[in-house]
N, C-alpha and C. Protein backbone atom coordinates (compact mmCIF):
# COMPACT_ATOMS: atom_id res chain seq x y z
N UNK A 1 12.93 -26.36 -1.82
CA UNK A 1 12.76 -26.02 -0.54
C UNK A 1 11.37 -26.11 -0.14
N UNK A 2 11.12 -26.31 0.88
CA UNK A 2 9.70 -27.16 1.68
C UNK A 2 9.28 -25.76 2.80
N UNK A 3 8.25 -24.89 2.68
CA UNK A 3 7.74 -24.03 3.70
C UNK A 3 7.56 -24.55 5.09
N UNK A 4 7.96 -23.88 6.18
CA UNK A 4 8.13 -24.49 7.23
C UNK A 4 7.92 -23.30 8.10
N UNK A 5 7.01 -23.64 9.55
CA UNK A 5 6.94 -22.61 10.48
C UNK A 5 8.03 -21.57 10.59
N UNK A 6 9.24 -22.14 10.16
CA UNK A 6 10.34 -21.00 10.85
C UNK A 6 10.54 -20.23 9.40
N UNK A 7 9.92 -20.30 8.21
CA UNK A 7 9.62 -19.32 7.44
C UNK A 7 8.89 -18.10 7.91
N UNK A 8 7.71 -18.57 8.35
CA UNK A 8 6.81 -18.10 9.28
C UNK A 8 7.42 -16.93 10.33
N UNK A 9 8.18 -17.37 10.99
CA UNK A 9 8.73 -16.96 12.26
C UNK A 9 9.93 -15.89 11.77
N UNK A 10 10.31 -16.23 10.96
CA UNK A 10 11.56 -15.28 10.56
C UNK A 10 10.95 -13.92 9.85
N UNK A 11 9.77 -14.23 9.04
CA UNK A 11 9.19 -13.26 8.01
C UNK A 11 8.54 -12.30 8.95
N UNK A 12 8.06 -12.68 9.84
CA UNK A 12 7.38 -11.88 10.89
C UNK A 12 8.35 -11.02 11.54
N UNK A 13 9.58 -11.44 11.68
CA UNK A 13 10.26 -10.48 12.41
C UNK A 13 11.01 -9.40 11.56
N UNK A 14 10.91 -9.74 10.43
CA UNK A 14 11.55 -8.82 9.15
C UNK A 14 10.37 -7.74 9.21
N UNK A 15 9.46 -8.56 9.12
CA UNK A 15 7.90 -7.26 9.12
C UNK A 15 8.06 -6.13 10.30
N UNK A 16 8.69 -6.52 11.24
CA UNK A 16 8.97 -5.64 12.54
C UNK A 16 9.55 -4.63 12.62
N UNK A 17 10.38 -4.40 11.53
CA UNK A 17 11.21 -3.61 10.78
C UNK A 17 10.51 -2.41 9.88
N UNK A 18 9.51 -2.86 9.22
CA UNK A 18 8.69 -1.87 8.52
C UNK A 18 8.55 -0.64 8.80
N UNK A 19 8.36 0.42 8.09
CA UNK A 19 8.40 2.08 8.42
C UNK A 19 6.85 2.37 7.43
N UNK A 20 6.15 2.18 7.82
CA UNK A 20 4.74 2.24 6.99
C UNK A 20 3.99 3.27 7.66
N UNK A 21 3.95 4.62 8.10
CA UNK A 21 3.34 5.44 8.44
C UNK A 21 2.31 6.09 7.79
N UNK A 22 2.48 5.96 6.35
CA UNK A 22 1.24 6.46 5.43
C UNK A 22 0.14 5.75 5.16
N UNK A 23 0.56 4.28 4.80
CA UNK A 23 -0.30 3.17 4.13
C UNK A 23 -0.89 2.19 5.77
N UNK A 24 0.12 2.34 6.55
CA UNK A 24 0.03 1.54 7.67
C UNK A 24 -0.05 -0.17 7.16
N UNK A 25 0.72 -0.33 6.06
CA UNK A 25 0.33 -1.69 5.56
C UNK A 25 1.94 -2.22 5.63
N UNK A 26 2.24 -2.80 7.13
CA UNK A 26 3.98 -3.35 6.84
C UNK A 26 3.92 -4.44 6.34
N UNK A 27 5.13 -4.73 5.46
CA UNK A 27 4.94 -5.93 4.46
C UNK A 27 6.80 -6.22 5.41
N UNK A 28 6.78 -7.58 5.55
CA UNK A 28 8.04 -8.35 5.74
C UNK A 28 8.40 -9.09 4.44
N UNK A 29 9.63 -9.69 4.56
CA UNK A 29 10.18 -10.63 3.31
C UNK A 29 11.46 -11.17 3.98
N UNK A 30 11.56 -12.64 3.94
CA UNK A 30 12.45 -13.40 4.52
C UNK A 30 13.08 -14.06 3.28
N UNK A 31 14.51 -13.51 2.76
CA UNK A 31 14.97 -14.59 1.46
C UNK A 31 16.05 -15.57 2.06
N UNK A 32 16.47 -16.67 1.33
CA UNK A 32 16.91 -17.59 1.87
C UNK A 32 17.89 -18.12 0.51
N UNK A 33 19.16 -18.05 0.65
CA UNK A 33 19.83 -18.24 -0.52
C UNK A 33 20.21 -19.75 -0.57
N UNK A 34 20.86 -20.35 -1.66
CA UNK A 34 20.85 -21.79 -1.89
C UNK A 34 22.25 -22.29 -0.68
N UNK A 35 23.05 -21.37 -0.48
CA UNK A 35 23.80 -21.52 0.58
C UNK A 35 23.72 -21.22 2.09
N UNK A 36 22.42 -21.37 2.49
CA UNK A 36 21.71 -21.19 3.46
C UNK A 36 21.86 -19.63 4.30
N UNK A 37 22.22 -18.52 3.76
CA UNK A 37 22.48 -17.33 4.21
C UNK A 37 20.74 -16.95 4.05
N UNK A 38 20.61 -16.00 5.26
CA UNK A 38 19.11 -15.24 5.00
C UNK A 38 19.34 -13.72 5.10
N UNK A 39 18.25 -13.13 4.41
CA UNK A 39 18.22 -11.65 4.12
C UNK A 39 17.19 -11.38 4.36
N UNK A 40 16.92 -10.21 5.35
CA UNK A 40 15.39 -9.72 5.92
C UNK A 40 15.26 -8.57 5.13
N UNK A 41 13.91 -8.19 4.73
CA UNK A 41 13.45 -7.31 3.76
C UNK A 41 12.26 -6.46 4.71
N UNK A 42 12.34 -5.03 4.68
CA UNK A 42 10.72 -4.91 5.02
C UNK A 42 10.41 -3.12 4.16
N UNK A 43 9.57 -3.22 4.10
CA UNK A 43 8.85 -1.94 3.01
C UNK A 43 9.34 -0.78 4.11
N UNK A 44 10.11 0.28 3.57
CA UNK A 44 10.14 1.71 3.83
C UNK A 44 9.52 2.78 3.07
N UNK A 45 8.57 3.44 3.71
CA UNK A 45 7.95 4.07 2.77
C UNK A 45 8.53 5.69 2.93
N UNK A 46 8.06 6.65 2.25
CA UNK A 46 8.46 7.81 1.95
C UNK A 46 7.28 9.01 1.47
N UNK A 47 7.09 9.83 1.85
CA UNK A 47 5.97 10.76 1.84
C UNK A 47 5.88 11.13 0.04
N UNK A 48 7.06 10.90 -0.96
CA UNK A 48 7.17 10.92 -1.97
C UNK A 48 7.15 9.20 -2.48
N UNK A 49 5.91 9.28 -2.48
CA UNK A 49 5.78 7.48 -2.54
C UNK A 49 6.60 6.77 -3.94
N UNK A 50 7.17 7.32 -5.09
CA UNK A 50 7.69 6.93 -5.77
C UNK A 50 9.38 6.16 -5.02
N UNK A 51 9.74 6.93 -4.16
CA UNK A 51 10.89 6.64 -3.24
C UNK A 51 10.52 5.60 -2.26
N UNK A 52 9.23 4.99 -2.43
CA UNK A 52 9.03 4.09 -0.88
C UNK A 52 9.55 2.71 -1.79
N UNK A 53 10.45 1.80 -0.82
CA UNK A 53 11.03 0.58 -1.21
C UNK A 53 10.25 -0.40 -0.60
N UNK A 54 9.66 -1.80 -1.40
CA UNK A 54 8.82 -2.86 -0.85
C UNK A 54 10.02 -3.77 -0.14
N UNK A 55 9.27 -4.64 0.52
CA UNK A 55 10.09 -5.23 1.74
C UNK A 55 10.83 -6.73 0.81
N UNK A 56 10.44 -6.93 -0.74
CA UNK A 56 10.76 -8.20 -1.64
C UNK A 56 12.10 -7.34 -2.08
N UNK A 57 11.79 -6.03 -2.35
CA UNK A 57 13.27 -5.61 -3.05
C UNK A 57 14.37 -5.53 -2.32
N UNK A 58 13.54 -4.96 -0.88
CA UNK A 58 14.69 -4.40 0.20
C UNK A 58 15.67 -5.96 0.32
N UNK A 59 15.09 -7.14 0.24
CA UNK A 59 15.97 -8.14 1.18
C UNK A 59 16.67 -8.62 -0.45
N UNK A 60 16.31 -8.72 -1.64
CA UNK A 60 17.04 -8.76 -2.78
C UNK A 60 18.03 -7.59 -2.76
N UNK A 61 17.77 -6.52 -2.82
CA UNK A 61 18.86 -5.67 -2.86
C UNK A 61 20.16 -5.85 -1.70
N UNK A 62 19.61 -6.28 -0.48
CA UNK A 62 20.40 -6.26 0.36
C UNK A 62 21.55 -7.64 0.09
N UNK A 63 20.88 -8.80 -0.36
CA UNK A 63 21.64 -9.51 -1.17
C UNK A 63 22.55 -9.69 -2.18
N UNK A 64 22.16 -8.84 -3.04
CA UNK A 64 22.87 -8.59 -4.04
C UNK A 64 24.22 -7.86 -3.96
N UNK A 65 23.72 -6.77 -2.39
CA UNK A 65 24.84 -6.04 -2.45
C UNK A 65 25.90 -6.68 -1.74
N UNK A 66 25.62 -7.90 -0.98
CA UNK A 66 26.47 -8.76 -0.63
C UNK A 66 27.56 -9.89 -1.43
N UNK A 67 26.96 -9.64 -3.15
CA UNK A 67 27.53 -10.58 -3.75
C UNK A 67 26.71 -11.47 -4.25
N UNK A 68 25.48 -12.07 -3.84
CA UNK A 68 24.77 -12.99 -4.59
C UNK A 68 24.39 -12.48 -5.90
N UNK A 69 24.06 -13.48 -6.70
CA UNK A 69 23.43 -13.27 -8.15
C UNK A 69 22.43 -14.23 -8.58
N UNK A 70 21.89 -14.00 -9.68
CA UNK A 70 21.07 -14.77 -10.47
C UNK A 70 21.26 -16.27 -10.04
N UNK A 71 20.24 -17.19 -10.01
CA UNK A 71 20.62 -18.42 -9.64
C UNK A 71 21.05 -18.65 -7.80
N UNK A 72 21.22 -17.87 -7.04
CA UNK A 72 21.74 -17.84 -5.81
C UNK A 72 20.74 -18.07 -4.81
N UNK A 73 19.29 -17.71 -4.92
CA UNK A 73 18.28 -17.51 -4.57
C UNK A 73 17.17 -19.15 -4.31
N UNK A 74 17.04 -19.33 -3.18
CA UNK A 74 16.47 -20.75 -2.78
C UNK A 74 14.82 -20.45 -2.76
N UNK A 75 14.46 -19.41 -1.88
CA UNK A 75 12.87 -18.93 -1.62
C UNK A 75 13.11 -17.67 -1.06
N UNK A 76 11.83 -17.14 -1.28
CA UNK A 76 11.55 -15.72 -0.45
C UNK A 76 10.09 -15.79 0.11
N UNK A 77 9.93 -15.60 1.45
CA UNK A 77 8.65 -15.51 2.19
C UNK A 77 8.07 -13.95 2.01
N UNK A 78 6.71 -13.56 2.04
CA UNK A 78 6.48 -12.21 2.04
C UNK A 78 5.26 -12.38 3.26
N UNK A 79 5.09 -11.60 4.18
CA UNK A 79 4.10 -11.61 4.82
C UNK A 79 3.24 -9.92 5.00
N UNK A 80 2.09 -10.40 5.55
CA UNK A 80 1.60 -8.66 5.57
C UNK A 80 0.50 -9.26 6.86
N UNK A 81 -0.15 -7.85 7.46
CA UNK A 81 -0.93 -7.70 8.53
C UNK A 81 -2.06 -7.90 7.72
N UNK A 82 -2.81 -8.57 7.09
CA UNK A 82 -4.16 -8.69 6.76
C UNK A 82 -4.53 -9.82 6.62
N UNK A 83 -6.24 -10.19 6.71
CA UNK A 83 -7.09 -11.29 6.73
C UNK A 83 -6.61 -12.13 5.41
N UNK A 84 -6.15 -11.69 4.40
CA UNK A 84 -6.03 -12.11 2.96
C UNK A 84 -4.49 -12.32 2.98
N UNK A 85 -4.02 -13.02 2.18
CA UNK A 85 -2.66 -13.39 1.87
C UNK A 85 -2.35 -12.21 0.34
N UNK A 86 -1.31 -11.62 0.36
CA UNK A 86 -1.38 -10.73 -0.34
C UNK A 86 -0.10 -11.22 -1.36
N UNK A 87 -0.23 -10.87 -2.59
CA UNK A 87 1.03 -11.06 -3.42
C UNK A 87 2.20 -9.97 -4.09
N UNK A 88 3.01 -10.08 -4.30
CA UNK A 88 4.27 -9.10 -4.62
C UNK A 88 3.41 -8.22 -5.58
N UNK A 89 3.90 -6.66 -5.61
CA UNK A 89 3.19 -5.47 -6.73
C UNK A 89 3.99 -5.99 -7.71
N UNK A 90 3.52 -5.02 -8.67
CA UNK A 90 4.16 -5.42 -10.08
C UNK A 90 5.49 -5.12 -10.26
N UNK A 91 6.05 -4.09 -9.57
CA UNK A 91 7.66 -3.61 -9.70
C UNK A 91 8.49 -4.90 -9.01
N UNK A 92 7.96 -5.48 -7.76
CA UNK A 92 8.58 -6.69 -6.98
C UNK A 92 8.76 -7.68 -7.94
N UNK A 93 7.70 -7.92 -8.62
CA UNK A 93 7.41 -9.30 -9.72
C UNK A 93 8.37 -9.16 -10.58
N UNK A 94 8.67 -7.87 -11.33
CA UNK A 94 9.79 -7.74 -12.46
C UNK A 94 11.18 -8.00 -11.45
N UNK A 95 11.37 -7.42 -10.43
CA UNK A 95 12.57 -7.62 -9.80
C UNK A 95 12.62 -8.95 -9.61
N UNK A 96 11.95 -9.43 -9.09
CA UNK A 96 12.18 -11.29 -8.92
C UNK A 96 12.17 -11.62 -10.06
N UNK A 97 11.48 -11.60 -11.28
CA UNK A 97 11.49 -12.21 -12.30
C UNK A 97 13.42 -11.97 -13.04
N UNK A 98 13.56 -10.71 -12.84
CA UNK A 98 15.43 -10.19 -13.13
C UNK A 98 16.54 -10.95 -12.63
N UNK A 99 16.15 -11.51 -11.00
CA UNK A 99 17.04 -11.44 -10.41
C UNK A 99 17.05 -13.11 -9.79
N UNK A 100 16.06 -13.79 -9.68
CA UNK A 100 15.34 -15.06 -9.59
C UNK A 100 15.03 -16.14 -10.38
N UNK A 101 15.53 -17.27 -10.03
CA UNK A 101 14.91 -18.32 -11.13
C UNK A 101 13.64 -18.44 -11.23
N UNK A 102 13.14 -18.61 -12.57
CA UNK A 102 11.69 -18.73 -12.70
C UNK A 102 10.90 -19.76 -11.60
N UNK A 103 11.69 -20.82 -11.34
CA UNK A 103 10.90 -21.89 -10.72
C UNK A 103 11.18 -21.84 -9.03
N UNK A 104 11.88 -20.43 -8.59
CA UNK A 104 11.96 -20.38 -7.15
C UNK A 104 10.28 -19.88 -6.48
N UNK A 105 10.27 -20.56 -5.55
CA UNK A 105 9.15 -20.61 -4.81
C UNK A 105 8.89 -19.38 -4.24
N UNK A 106 7.83 -18.50 -4.41
CA UNK A 106 7.74 -17.38 -3.44
C UNK A 106 6.20 -17.62 -2.52
N UNK A 107 6.82 -17.83 -1.10
CA UNK A 107 5.51 -17.96 -0.08
C UNK A 107 4.88 -16.73 0.04
N UNK A 108 3.62 -16.59 0.32
CA UNK A 108 2.80 -15.19 0.55
C UNK A 108 1.89 -15.59 1.77
N UNK A 109 2.26 -14.79 2.85
CA UNK A 109 1.42 -15.26 4.42
C UNK A 109 0.85 -14.19 4.70
N UNK A 110 -0.21 -14.36 5.35
CA UNK A 110 -0.92 -13.46 6.37
C UNK A 110 -0.72 -13.26 7.86
N UNK A 111 -1.50 -12.67 8.32
CA UNK A 111 -0.91 -12.49 9.85
C UNK A 111 -1.48 -13.70 10.59
N UNK A 112 -2.21 -14.64 9.74
CA UNK A 112 -2.82 -15.82 10.57
C UNK A 112 -1.86 -16.84 10.33
N UNK A 113 -0.97 -16.56 9.00
CA UNK A 113 -0.09 -17.63 8.95
C UNK A 113 -0.49 -18.81 7.65
N UNK A 114 -1.73 -18.27 7.41
CA UNK A 114 -2.03 -18.77 6.25
C UNK A 114 -1.15 -18.53 5.07
N UNK A 115 -1.03 -19.44 4.00
CA UNK A 115 0.13 -19.33 2.80
C UNK A 115 -0.22 -19.57 1.69
N UNK A 116 0.32 -19.02 0.74
CA UNK A 116 -0.02 -19.62 -0.84
C UNK A 116 1.19 -19.27 -1.28
N UNK A 117 1.71 -20.43 -2.53
CA UNK A 117 2.76 -20.44 -3.20
C UNK A 117 2.80 -20.36 -4.37
N UNK A 118 3.37 -20.09 -4.95
CA UNK A 118 3.60 -19.45 -6.54
C UNK A 118 5.39 -19.24 -6.74
N UNK A 119 5.32 -20.36 -8.11
CA UNK A 119 7.14 -19.62 -8.51
C UNK A 119 6.94 -18.31 -9.10
N UNK A 120 8.29 -17.78 -9.39
CA UNK A 120 8.30 -16.60 -10.17
C UNK A 120 7.36 -16.55 -11.22
N UNK A 121 7.84 -17.40 -12.20
CA UNK A 121 7.37 -17.55 -13.56
C UNK A 121 5.86 -17.29 -13.48
N UNK A 122 4.89 -18.10 -12.29
CA UNK A 122 3.76 -17.83 -12.05
C UNK A 122 3.11 -16.80 -11.97
N UNK A 123 4.03 -15.97 -11.00
CA UNK A 123 3.70 -14.37 -10.54
C UNK A 123 3.80 -13.83 -11.81
N UNK A 124 4.64 -13.82 -12.55
CA UNK A 124 4.95 -12.97 -13.95
C UNK A 124 4.97 -13.94 -15.17
N UNK A 125 3.51 -14.26 -15.80
CA UNK A 125 3.59 -15.09 -16.80
C UNK A 125 4.03 -14.55 -18.08
N UNK A 126 4.93 -15.19 -19.14
CA UNK A 126 5.36 -14.40 -20.18
C UNK A 126 6.13 -13.13 -19.72
N UNK A 127 6.76 -13.08 -18.62
CA UNK A 127 7.49 -11.58 -18.12
C UNK A 127 8.85 -11.98 -18.95
N UNK A 128 9.67 -10.93 -19.44
CA UNK A 128 10.82 -10.47 -19.96
C UNK A 128 11.65 -10.23 -18.94
N UNK A 129 12.78 -10.52 -19.26
CA UNK A 129 13.75 -9.92 -18.21
C UNK A 129 15.36 -10.08 -18.90
N UNK A 130 16.42 -9.74 -18.00
CA UNK A 130 17.69 -9.91 -18.88
C UNK A 130 17.73 -11.33 -19.37
N UNK A 131 17.38 -12.18 -18.90
CA UNK A 131 17.61 -13.63 -18.84
C UNK A 131 17.17 -13.98 -20.43
N UNK A 132 16.13 -13.45 -20.80
CA UNK A 132 15.74 -13.76 -22.30
C UNK A 132 16.84 -12.76 -23.28
N UNK A 133 17.59 -12.06 -22.78
CA UNK A 133 18.71 -11.29 -23.51
C UNK A 133 19.81 -12.52 -24.07
N UNK A 134 20.10 -13.34 -23.36
CA UNK A 134 21.01 -14.64 -23.47
C UNK A 134 20.74 -15.47 -23.89
N UNK A 135 19.59 -15.59 -24.50
CA UNK A 135 19.08 -16.77 -25.39
C UNK A 135 19.57 -16.86 -26.76
């Protein structure tokens, strides 16, 4: 899958649904499945910070709730309103490692449309997941 302007347009739409009254750091995620379905995620904050959910996990949970599983995902695009491109947090990296193929691209963008791309494995080198238990 190659990154296109459509990825950026769609992830910005997802970001509009963010609820970030505490950090004011709105994040959007746009997940594409191999069969062409799209799932959107946004960070939803909570005053009890551990209850906050990130945009990446929001999109993945929506897809998993609809029956998608490991191997079904083609790419995920994430955006932030920052001058710098931001990568997924540690918790999101672990969830990506658990639910996505190691070679799946993660496109990271900022509000200017600048993009960096890494694979799930590059985001979490030497990561451990349930996939390792099946070897």
